[in-house]
Amino acid sequence: EQPQFDKTQLLQTIVNAHNGPIWCMKFSPDGQLLATGGQDSLLKVWVLKSAQPHFDDFSRMTADPSKQQNEILTRRFHEFHQTISSE
């Protein structure tokens, strides 16, 4: 049976997230990331403000896309994918 909600309210709007409607949203298991998928066929990953300090080093690495950094990012992506797949 579907849960019944007696009250819903809009808490935040994600502006300019996608071209068209957002069709699905999912938080990461640790609650630090939000993935959205939309009609525009894009998958976007959002970092919550409270988690930003944990991702500052990632931002610095992507700013200078050297071969070594690309290898590090690829390895981290595979580790992340294995973690998500196992959960």
PDB file of N, CA and C in Angstrom:
ATOM      1  N   GLU A   1       0.845  -1.183   0.000  1.00  0.00           N
ATOM      2  CA  GLU A   1       0.000   0.000   0.000  1.00  0.00           C
ATOM      3  C   GLU A   1       0.885   1.240   0.000  1.00  0.00           C
ATOM      4  N   GLN A   2       0.504   2.235  -0.775  1.00  0.00           N
ATOM      5  CA  GLN A   2       1.255   3.475  -0.879  1.00  0.00           C
ATOM      6  C   GLN A   2       1.126   4.294   0.398  1.00  0.00           C
ATOM      7  N   PRO A   3       2.221   4.893   0.868  1.00  0.00           N
ATOM      8  CA  PRO A   3       2.127   5.752   2.059  1.00  0.00           C
ATOM      9  C   PRO A   3       1.292   6.988   1.758  1.00  0.00           C
ATOM     10  N   GLN A   4       0.599   7.464   2.743  1.00  0.00           N
ATOM     11  CA  GLN A   4      -0.221   8.667   2.602  1.00  0.00           C
ATOM     12  C   GLN A   4       0.485   9.836   3.271  1.00  0.00           C
ATOM     13  N   PHE A   5       0.519  10.952   2.610  1.00  0.00           N
ATOM     14  CA  PHE A   5       1.129  12.155   3.150  1.00  0.00           C
ATOM     15  C   PHE A   5       0.039  13.179   3.409  1.00  0.00           C
ATOM     16  N   ASP A   6       0.008  13.708   4.612  1.00  0.00           N
ATOM     17  CA  ASP A   6      -0.995  14.714   4.910  1.00  0.00           C
ATOM     18  C   ASP A   6      -0.484  16.131   4.651  1.00  0.00           C
ATOM     19  N   LYS A   7       0.832  16.283   4.455  1.00  0.00           N
ATOM     20  CA  LYS A   7       1.378  17.602   4.189  1.00  0.00           C
ATOM     21  C   LYS A   7       2.665  17.458   3.376  1.00  0.00           C
ATOM     22  N   THR A   8       2.768  18.199   2.314  1.00  0.00           N
ATOM     23  CA  THR A   8       4.010  18.275   1.550  1.00  0.00           C
ATOM     24  C   THR A   8       4.359  19.749   1.384  1.00  0.00           C
ATOM     25  N   GLN A   9       5.644  20.021   1.255  1.00  0.00           N
ATOM     26  CA  GLN A   9       6.041  21.408   1.042  1.00  0.00           C
ATOM     27  C   GLN A   9       7.352  21.437   0.269  1.00  0.00           C
ATOM     28  N   LEU A  10       7.507  22.480  -0.529  1.00  0.00           N
ATOM     29  CA  LEU A  10       8.716  22.696  -1.310  1.00  0.00           C
ATOM     30  C   LEU A  10       9.756  23.351  -0.418  1.00  0.00           C
ATOM     31  N   LEU A  11      10.908  22.714  -0.265  1.00  0.00           N
ATOM     32  CA  LEU A  11      11.965  23.252   0.587  1.00  0.00           C
ATOM     33  C   LEU A  11      13.059  23.954  -0.201  1.00  0.00           C
ATOM     34  N   GLN A  12      13.340  23.476  -1.407  1.00  0.00           N
ATOM     35  CA  GLN A  12      14.398  24.079  -2.205  1.00  0.00           C
ATOM     36  C   GLN A  12      14.149  23.775  -3.664  1.00  0.00           C
ATOM     37  N   THR A  13      14.524  24.708  -4.513  1.00  0.00           N
ATOM     38  CA  THR A  13      14.418  24.527  -5.950  1.00  0.00           C
ATOM     39  C   THR A  13      15.830  24.463  -6.534  1.00  0.00           C
ATOM     40  N   ILE A  14      16.075  23.504  -7.382  1.00  0.00           N
ATOM     41  CA  ILE A  14      17.357  23.416  -8.081  1.00  0.00           C
ATOM     42  C   ILE A  14      17.173  24.162  -9.401  1.00  0.00           C
ATOM     43  N   VAL A  15      17.776  25.345  -9.495  1.00  0.00           N
ATOM     44  CA  VAL A  15      17.599  26.221 -10.649  1.00  0.00           C
ATOM     45  C   VAL A  15      18.603  25.868 -11.738  1.00  0.00           C
ATOM     46  N   ASN A  16      18.150  25.842 -12.965  1.00  0.00           N
ATOM     47  CA  ASN A  16      19.005  25.573 -14.127  1.00  0.00           C
ATOM     48  C   ASN A  16      19.739  24.242 -14.016  1.00  0.00           C
ATOM     49  N   ALA A  17      19.094  23.267 -13.426  1.00  0.00           N
ATOM     50  CA  ALA A  17      19.725  21.962 -13.250  1.00  0.00           C
ATOM     51  C   ALA A  17      19.754  21.180 -14.559  1.00  0.00           C
ATOM     52  N   HIS A  18      18.653  21.170 -15.247  1.00  0.00           N
ATOM     53  CA  HIS A  18      18.523  20.416 -16.497  1.00  0.00           C
ATOM     54  C   HIS A  18      17.691  21.219 -17.479  1.00  0.00           C
ATOM     55  N   ASN A  19      17.819  20.878 -18.742  1.00  0.00           N
ATOM     56  CA  ASN A  19      16.927  21.431 -19.758  1.00  0.00           C
ATOM     57  C   ASN A  19      15.704  20.533 -19.811  1.00  0.00           C
ATOM     58  N   GLY A  20      14.647  20.950 -19.164  1.00  0.00           N
ATOM     59  CA  GLY A  20      13.449  20.134 -19.053  1.00  0.00           C
ATOM     60  C   GLY A  20      13.324  19.603 -17.638  1.00  0.00           C
ATOM     61  N   PRO A  21      12.337  18.754 -17.412  1.00  0.00           N
ATOM     62  CA  PRO A  21      12.087  18.269 -16.049  1.00  0.00           C
ATOM     63  C   PRO A  21      13.145  17.275 -15.567  1.00  0.00           C
ATOM     64  N   ILE A  22      13.314  17.230 -14.249  1.00  0.00           N
ATOM     65  CA  ILE A  22      14.142  16.218 -13.603  1.00  0.00           C
ATOM     66  C   ILE A  22      13.258  15.001 -13.383  1.00  0.00           C
ATOM     67  N   TRP A  23      13.699  13.850 -13.846  1.00  0.00           N
ATOM     68  CA  TRP A  23      12.886  12.637 -13.751  1.00  0.00           C
ATOM     69  C   TRP A  23      13.234  11.785 -12.540  1.00  0.00           C
ATOM     70  N   CYS A  24      14.463  11.846 -12.069  1.00  0.00           N
ATOM     71  CA  CYS A  24      14.818  11.036 -10.905  1.00  0.00           C
ATOM     72  C   CYS A  24      15.921  11.720 -10.104  1.00  0.00           C
ATOM     73  N   MET A  25      15.928  11.411  -8.807  1.00  0.00           N
ATOM     74  CA  MET A  25      16.924  11.953  -7.889  1.00  0.00           C
ATOM     75  C   MET A  25      17.286  10.857  -6.903  1.00  0.00           C
ATOM     76  N   LYS A  26      18.556  10.808  -6.493  1.00  0.00           N
ATOM     77  CA  LYS A  26      18.987   9.804  -5.524  1.00  0.00           C
ATOM     78  C   LYS A  26      20.175  10.357  -4.746  1.00  0.00           C
ATOM     79  N   PHE A  27      20.109  10.238  -3.411  1.00  0.00           N
ATOM     80  CA  PHE A  27      21.236  10.616  -2.569  1.00  0.00           C
ATOM     81  C   PHE A  27      22.212   9.454  -2.486  1.00  0.00           C
ATOM     82  N   SER A  28      23.503   9.788  -2.326  1.00  0.00           N
ATOM     83  CA  SER A  28      24.511   8.759  -2.106  1.00  0.00           C
ATOM     84  C   SER A  28      24.286   8.146  -0.728  1.00  0.00           C
ATOM     85  N   PRO A  29      24.800   6.939  -0.492  1.00  0.00           N
ATOM     86  CA  PRO A  29      24.613   6.292   0.808  1.00  0.00           C
ATOM     87  C   PRO A  29      25.090   7.142   1.989  1.00  0.00           C
ATOM     88  N   ASP A  30      26.130   7.960   1.783  1.00  0.00           N
ATOM     89  CA  ASP A  30      26.619   8.796   2.883  1.00  0.00           C
ATOM     90  C   ASP A  30      25.890  10.133   2.968  1.00  0.00           C
ATOM     91  N   GLY A  31      24.983  10.409   2.047  1.00  0.00           N
ATOM     92  CA  GLY A  31      24.191  11.629   2.077  1.00  0.00           C
ATOM     93  C   GLY A  31      24.931  12.881   1.652  1.00  0.00           C
ATOM     94  N   GLN A  32      26.122  12.746   1.069  1.00  0.00           N
ATOM     95  CA  GLN A  32      26.924  13.913   0.700  1.00  0.00           C
ATOM     96  C   GLN A  32      26.725  14.333  -0.750  1.00  0.00           C
ATOM     97  N   LEU A  33      26.201  13.438  -1.571  1.00  0.00           N
ATOM     98  CA  LEU A  33      26.012  13.718  -2.989  1.00  0.00           C
ATOM     99  C   LEU A  33      24.556  13.489  -3.379  1.00  0.00           C
ATOM    100  N   LEU A  34      24.104  14.224  -4.384  1.00  0.00           N
ATOM    101  CA  LEU A  34      22.773  14.034  -4.946  1.00  0.00           C
ATOM    102  C   LEU A  34      22.930  13.882  -6.447  1.00  0.00           C
ATOM    103  N   ALA A  35      22.432  12.801  -6.999  1.00  0.00           N
ATOM    104  CA  ALA A  35      22.468  12.585  -8.441  1.00  0.00           C
ATOM    105  C   ALA A  35      21.089  12.882  -9.001  1.00  0.00           C
ATOM    106  N   THR A  36      21.047  13.597 -10.120  1.00  0.00           N
ATOM    107  CA  THR A  36      19.781  13.892 -10.785  1.00  0.00           C
ATOM    108  C   THR A  36      19.881  13.471 -12.242  1.00  0.00           C
ATOM    109  N   GLY A  37      18.780  12.990 -12.763  1.00  0.00           N
ATOM    110  CA  GLY A  37      18.675  12.639 -14.175  1.00  0.00           C
ATOM    111  C   GLY A  37      17.432  13.282 -14.735  1.00  0.00           C
ATOM    112  N   GLY A  38      17.550  13.803 -15.953  1.00  0.00           N
ATOM    113  CA  GLY A  38      16.421  14.529 -16.512  1.00  0.00           C
ATOM    114  C   GLY A  38      16.099  14.171 -17.935  1.00  0.00           C
ATOM    115  N   GLN A  39      15.105  14.887 -18.449  1.00  0.00           N
ATOM    116  CA  GLN A  39      14.638  14.693 -19.821  1.00  0.00           C
ATOM    117  C   GLN A  39      15.751  14.969 -20.832  1.00  0.00           C
ATOM    118  N   ASP A  40      16.735  15.767 -20.438  1.00  0.00           N
ATOM    119  CA  ASP A  40      17.837  16.113 -21.333  1.00  0.00           C
ATOM    120  C   ASP A  40      18.878  14.993 -21.463  1.00  0.00           C
ATOM    121  N   SER A  41      18.625  13.837 -20.833  1.00  0.00           N
ATOM    122  CA  SER A  41      19.503  12.662 -20.909  1.00  0.00           C
ATOM    123  C   SER A  41      20.851  12.884 -20.230  1.00  0.00           C
ATOM    124  N   LEU A  42      20.915  13.810 -19.287  1.00  0.00           N
ATOM    125  CA  LEU A  42      22.147  14.060 -18.543  1.00  0.00           C
ATOM    126  C   LEU A  42      22.022  13.544 -17.118  1.00  0.00           C
ATOM    127  N   LEU A  43      23.120  13.046 -16.604  1.00  0.00           N
ATOM    128  CA  LEU A  43      23.229  12.678 -15.201  1.00  0.00           C
ATOM    129  C   LEU A  43      24.149  13.706 -14.557  1.00  0.00           C
ATOM    130  N   LYS A  44      23.637  14.375 -13.523  1.00  0.00           N
ATOM    131  CA  LYS A  44      24.440  15.381 -12.835  1.00  0.00           C
ATOM    132  C   LYS A  44      24.583  14.969 -11.384  1.00  0.00           C
ATOM    133  N   VAL A  45      25.781  15.186 -10.835  1.00  0.00           N
ATOM    134  CA  VAL A  45      26.052  14.861  -9.437  1.00  0.00           C
ATOM    135  C   VAL A  45      26.326  16.174  -8.718  1.00  0.00           C
ATOM    136  N   TRP A  46      25.582  16.404  -7.646  1.00  0.00           N
ATOM    137  CA  TRP A  46      25.656  17.634  -6.874  1.00  0.00           C
ATOM    138  C   TRP A  46      26.295  17.331  -5.526  1.00  0.00           C
ATOM    139  N   VAL A  47      27.178  18.224  -5.077  1.00  0.00           N
ATOM    140  CA  VAL A  47      27.810  18.106  -3.762  1.00  0.00           C
ATOM    141  C   VAL A  47      27.035  19.006  -2.803  1.00  0.00           C
ATOM    142  N   LEU A  48      26.589  18.456  -1.693  1.00  0.00           N
ATOM    143  CA  LEU A  48      25.895  19.268  -0.701  1.00  0.00           C
ATOM    144  C   LEU A  48      26.867  20.249  -0.071  1.00  0.00           C
ATOM    145  N   LYS A  49      26.386  21.437   0.269  1.00  0.00           N
ATOM    146  CA  LYS A  49      27.258  22.479   0.823  1.00  0.00           C
ATOM    147  C   LYS A  49      28.024  21.990   2.043  1.00  0.00           C
ATOM    148  N   SER A  50      27.378  21.215   2.892  1.00  0.00           N
ATOM    149  CA  SER A  50      28.046  20.737   4.106  1.00  0.00           C
ATOM    150  C   SER A  50      29.172  19.752   3.798  1.00  0.00           C
ATOM    151  N   ALA A  51      29.160  19.159   2.616  1.00  0.00           N
ATOM    152  CA  ALA A  51      30.182  18.182   2.246  1.00  0.00           C
ATOM    153  C   ALA A  51      31.273  18.784   1.360  1.00  0.00           C
ATOM    154  N   GLN A  52      31.159  20.053   1.022  1.00  0.00           N
ATOM    155  CA  GLN A  52      32.086  20.675   0.085  1.00  0.00           C
ATOM    156  C   GLN A  52      33.558  20.540   0.471  1.00  0.00           C
ATOM    157  N   PRO A  53      33.932  20.715   1.737  1.00  0.00           N
ATOM    158  CA  PRO A  53      35.362  20.587   2.078  1.00  0.00           C
ATOM    159  C   PRO A  53      35.961  19.231   1.688  1.00  0.00           C
ATOM    160  N   HIS A  54      35.161  18.173   1.696  1.00  0.00           N
ATOM    161  CA  HIS A  54      35.666  16.845   1.349  1.00  0.00           C
ATOM    162  C   HIS A  54      35.966  16.718  -0.143  1.00  0.00           C
ATOM    163  N   PHE A  55      35.387  17.614  -0.939  1.00  0.00           N
ATOM    164  CA  PHE A  55      35.538  17.503  -2.387  1.00  0.00           C
ATOM    165  C   PHE A  55      36.422  18.592  -2.976  1.00  0.00           C
ATOM    166  N   ASP A  56      37.005  19.443  -2.129  1.00  0.00           N
ATOM    167  CA  ASP A  56      37.869  20.512  -2.630  1.00  0.00           C
ATOM    168  C   ASP A  56      39.085  19.970  -3.368  1.00  0.00           C
ATOM    169  N   ASP A  57      39.688  18.888  -2.867  1.00  0.00           N
ATOM    170  CA  ASP A  57      40.854  18.318  -3.548  1.00  0.00           C
ATOM    171  C   ASP A  57      40.470  17.758  -4.900  1.00  0.00           C
ATOM    172  N   PHE A  58      39.277  17.210  -5.022  1.00  0.00           N
ATOM    173  CA  PHE A  58      38.774  16.694  -6.292  1.00  0.00           C
ATOM    174  C   PHE A  58      38.650  17.838  -7.299  1.00  0.00           C
ATOM    175  N   SER A  59      38.148  18.991  -6.851  1.00  0.00           N
ATOM    176  CA  SER A  59      38.009  20.157  -7.728  1.00  0.00           C
ATOM    177  C   SER A  59      39.368  20.640  -8.222  1.00  0.00           C
ATOM    178  N   ARG A  60      40.357  20.638  -7.343  1.00  0.00           N
ATOM    179  CA  ARG A  60      41.700  21.071  -7.750  1.00  0.00           C
ATOM    180  C   ARG A  60      42.282  20.116  -8.796  1.00  0.00           C
ATOM    181  N   MET A  61      42.036  18.838  -8.637  1.00  0.00           N
ATOM    182  CA  MET A  61      42.586  17.870  -9.589  1.00  0.00           C
ATOM    183  C   MET A  61      41.936  18.013 -10.957  1.00  0.00           C
ATOM    184  N   THR A  62      40.642  18.279 -11.009  1.00  0.00           N
ATOM    185  CA  THR A  62      39.969  18.382 -12.299  1.00  0.00           C
ATOM    186  C   THR A  62      40.299  19.686 -13.005  1.00  0.00           C
ATOM    187  N   ALA A  63      40.816  20.675 -12.274  1.00  0.00           N
ATOM    188  CA  ALA A  63      41.183  21.953 -12.878  1.00  0.00           C
ATOM    189  C   ALA A  63      42.437  21.819 -13.750  1.00  0.00           C
ATOM    190  N   ASP A  64      43.262  20.812 -13.505  1.00  0.00           N
ATOM    191  CA  ASP A  64      44.490  20.598 -14.267  1.00  0.00           C
ATOM    192  C   ASP A  64      44.499  19.149 -14.750  1.00  0.00           C
ATOM    193  N   PRO A  65      43.860  18.894 -15.890  1.00  0.00           N
ATOM    194  CA  PRO A  65      43.672  17.505 -16.333  1.00  0.00           C
ATOM    195  C   PRO A  65      44.924  16.874 -16.945  1.00  0.00           C
ATOM    196  N   SER A  66      45.921  16.615 -16.133  1.00  0.00           N
ATOM    197  CA  SER A  66      47.117  15.923 -16.618  1.00  0.00           C
ATOM    198  C   SER A  66      46.825  14.425 -16.697  1.00  0.00           C
ATOM    199  N   LYS A  67      47.697  13.700 -17.339  1.00  0.00           N
ATOM    200  CA  LYS A  67      47.510  12.250 -17.477  1.00  0.00           C
ATOM    201  C   LYS A  67      47.479  11.567 -16.111  1.00  0.00           C
ATOM    202  N   GLN A  68      48.376  11.963 -15.200  1.00  0.00           N
ATOM    203  CA  GLN A  68      48.423  11.360 -13.871  1.00  0.00           C
ATOM    204  C   GLN A  68      47.118  11.623 -13.122  1.00  0.00           C
ATOM    205  N   GLN A  69      46.622  12.839 -13.206  1.00  0.00           N
ATOM    206  CA  GLN A  69      45.382  13.163 -12.514  1.00  0.00           C
ATOM    207  C   GLN A  69      44.194  12.437 -13.133  1.00  0.00           C
ATOM    208  N   ASN A  70      44.195  12.276 -14.441  1.00  0.00           N
ATOM    209  CA  ASN A  70      43.132  11.510 -15.089  1.00  0.00           C
ATOM    210  C   ASN A  70      43.132  10.067 -14.599  1.00  0.00           C
ATOM    211  N   GLU A  71      44.323   9.500 -14.403  1.00  0.00           N
ATOM    212  CA  GLU A  71      44.407   8.132 -13.885  1.00  0.00           C
ATOM    213  C   GLU A  71      43.871   8.054 -12.456  1.00  0.00           C
ATOM    214  N   ILE A  72      44.188   9.067 -11.639  1.00  0.00           N
ATOM    215  CA  ILE A  72      43.682   9.099 -10.264  1.00  0.00           C
ATOM    216  C   ILE A  72      42.162   9.207 -10.270  1.00  0.00           C
ATOM    217  N   LEU A  73      41.620  10.101 -11.104  1.00  0.00           N
ATOM    218  CA  LEU A  73      40.167  10.265 -11.180  1.00  0.00           C
ATOM    219  C   LEU A  73      39.488   8.999 -11.671  1.00  0.00           C
ATOM    220  N   THR A  74      40.080   8.337 -12.658  1.00  0.00           N
ATOM    221  CA  THR A  74      39.520   7.090 -13.167  1.00  0.00           C
ATOM    222  C   THR A  74      39.503   6.027 -12.077  1.00  0.00           C
ATOM    223  N   ARG A  75      40.587   5.914 -11.319  1.00  0.00           N
ATOM    224  CA  ARG A  75      40.650   4.939 -10.229  1.00  0.00           C
ATOM    225  C   ARG A  75      39.602   5.253  -9.158  1.00  0.00           C
ATOM    226  N   ARG A  76      39.480   6.535  -8.795  1.00  0.00           N
ATOM    227  CA  ARG A  76      38.482   6.912  -7.793  1.00  0.00           C
ATOM    228  C   ARG A  76      37.062   6.634  -8.287  1.00  0.00           C
ATOM    229  N   PHE A  77      36.810   6.884  -9.567  1.00  0.00           N
ATOM    230  CA  PHE A  77      35.487   6.594 -10.122  1.00  0.00           C
ATOM    231  C   PHE A  77      35.186   5.108 -10.022  1.00  0.00           C
ATOM    232  N   HIS A  78      36.152   4.266 -10.368  1.00  0.00           N
ATOM    233  CA  HIS A  78      35.938   2.817 -10.289  1.00  0.00           C
ATOM    234  C   HIS A  78      35.721   2.368  -8.841  1.00  0.00           C
ATOM    235  N   GLU A  79      36.467   2.947  -7.913  1.00  0.00           N
ATOM    236  CA  GLU A  79      36.263   2.618  -6.493  1.00  0.00           C
ATOM    237  C   GLU A  79      34.871   3.041  -6.044  1.00  0.00           C
ATOM    238  N   PHE A  80      34.443   4.228  -6.461  1.00  0.00           N
ATOM    239  CA  PHE A  80      33.106   4.721  -6.121  1.00  0.00           C
ATOM    240  C   PHE A  80      32.043   3.801  -6.723  1.00  0.00           C
ATOM    241  N   HIS A  81      32.221   3.422  -7.973  1.00  0.00           N
ATOM    242  CA  HIS A  81      31.256   2.553  -8.647  1.00  0.00           C
ATOM    243  C   HIS A  81      31.157   1.189  -7.940  1.00  0.00           C
ATOM    244  N   GLN A  82      32.286   0.621  -7.535  1.00  0.00           N
ATOM    245  CA  GLN A  82      32.258  -0.657  -6.830  1.00  0.00           C
ATOM    246  C   GLN A  82      31.555  -0.520  -5.485  1.00  0.00           C
ATOM    247  N   THR A  83      31.775   0.589  -4.776  1.00  0.00           N
ATOM    248  CA  THR A  83      31.117   0.814  -3.489  1.00  0.00           C
ATOM    249  C   THR A  83      29.605   0.918  -3.671  1.00  0.00           C
ATOM    250  N   ILE A  84      29.181   1.704  -4.641  1.00  0.00           N
ATOM    251  CA  ILE A  84      27.748   1.896  -4.895  1.00  0.00           C
ATOM    252  C   ILE A  84      27.126   0.584  -5.355  1.00  0.00           C
ATOM    253  N   SER A  85      27.822  -0.154  -6.208  1.00  0.00           N
ATOM    254  CA  SER A  85      27.281  -1.420  -6.711  1.00  0.00           C
ATOM    255  C   SER A  85      27.087  -2.429  -5.597  1.00  0.00           C
ATOM    256  N   SER A  86      28.004  -2.440  -4.618  1.00  0.00           N
ATOM    257  CA  SER A  86      27.900  -3.410  -3.531  1.00  0.00           C
ATOM    258  C   SER A  86      26.810  -3.029  -2.541  1.00  0.00           C
ATOM    259  N   GLU A  87      26.461  -1.734  -2.464  1.00  0.00           N
ATOM    260  CA  GLU A  87      25.431  -1.282  -1.545  1.00  0.00           C
ATOM    261  C   GLU A  87      24.079  -1.372  -2.203  1.00  0.00           C
TER     262      GLU A  87
END
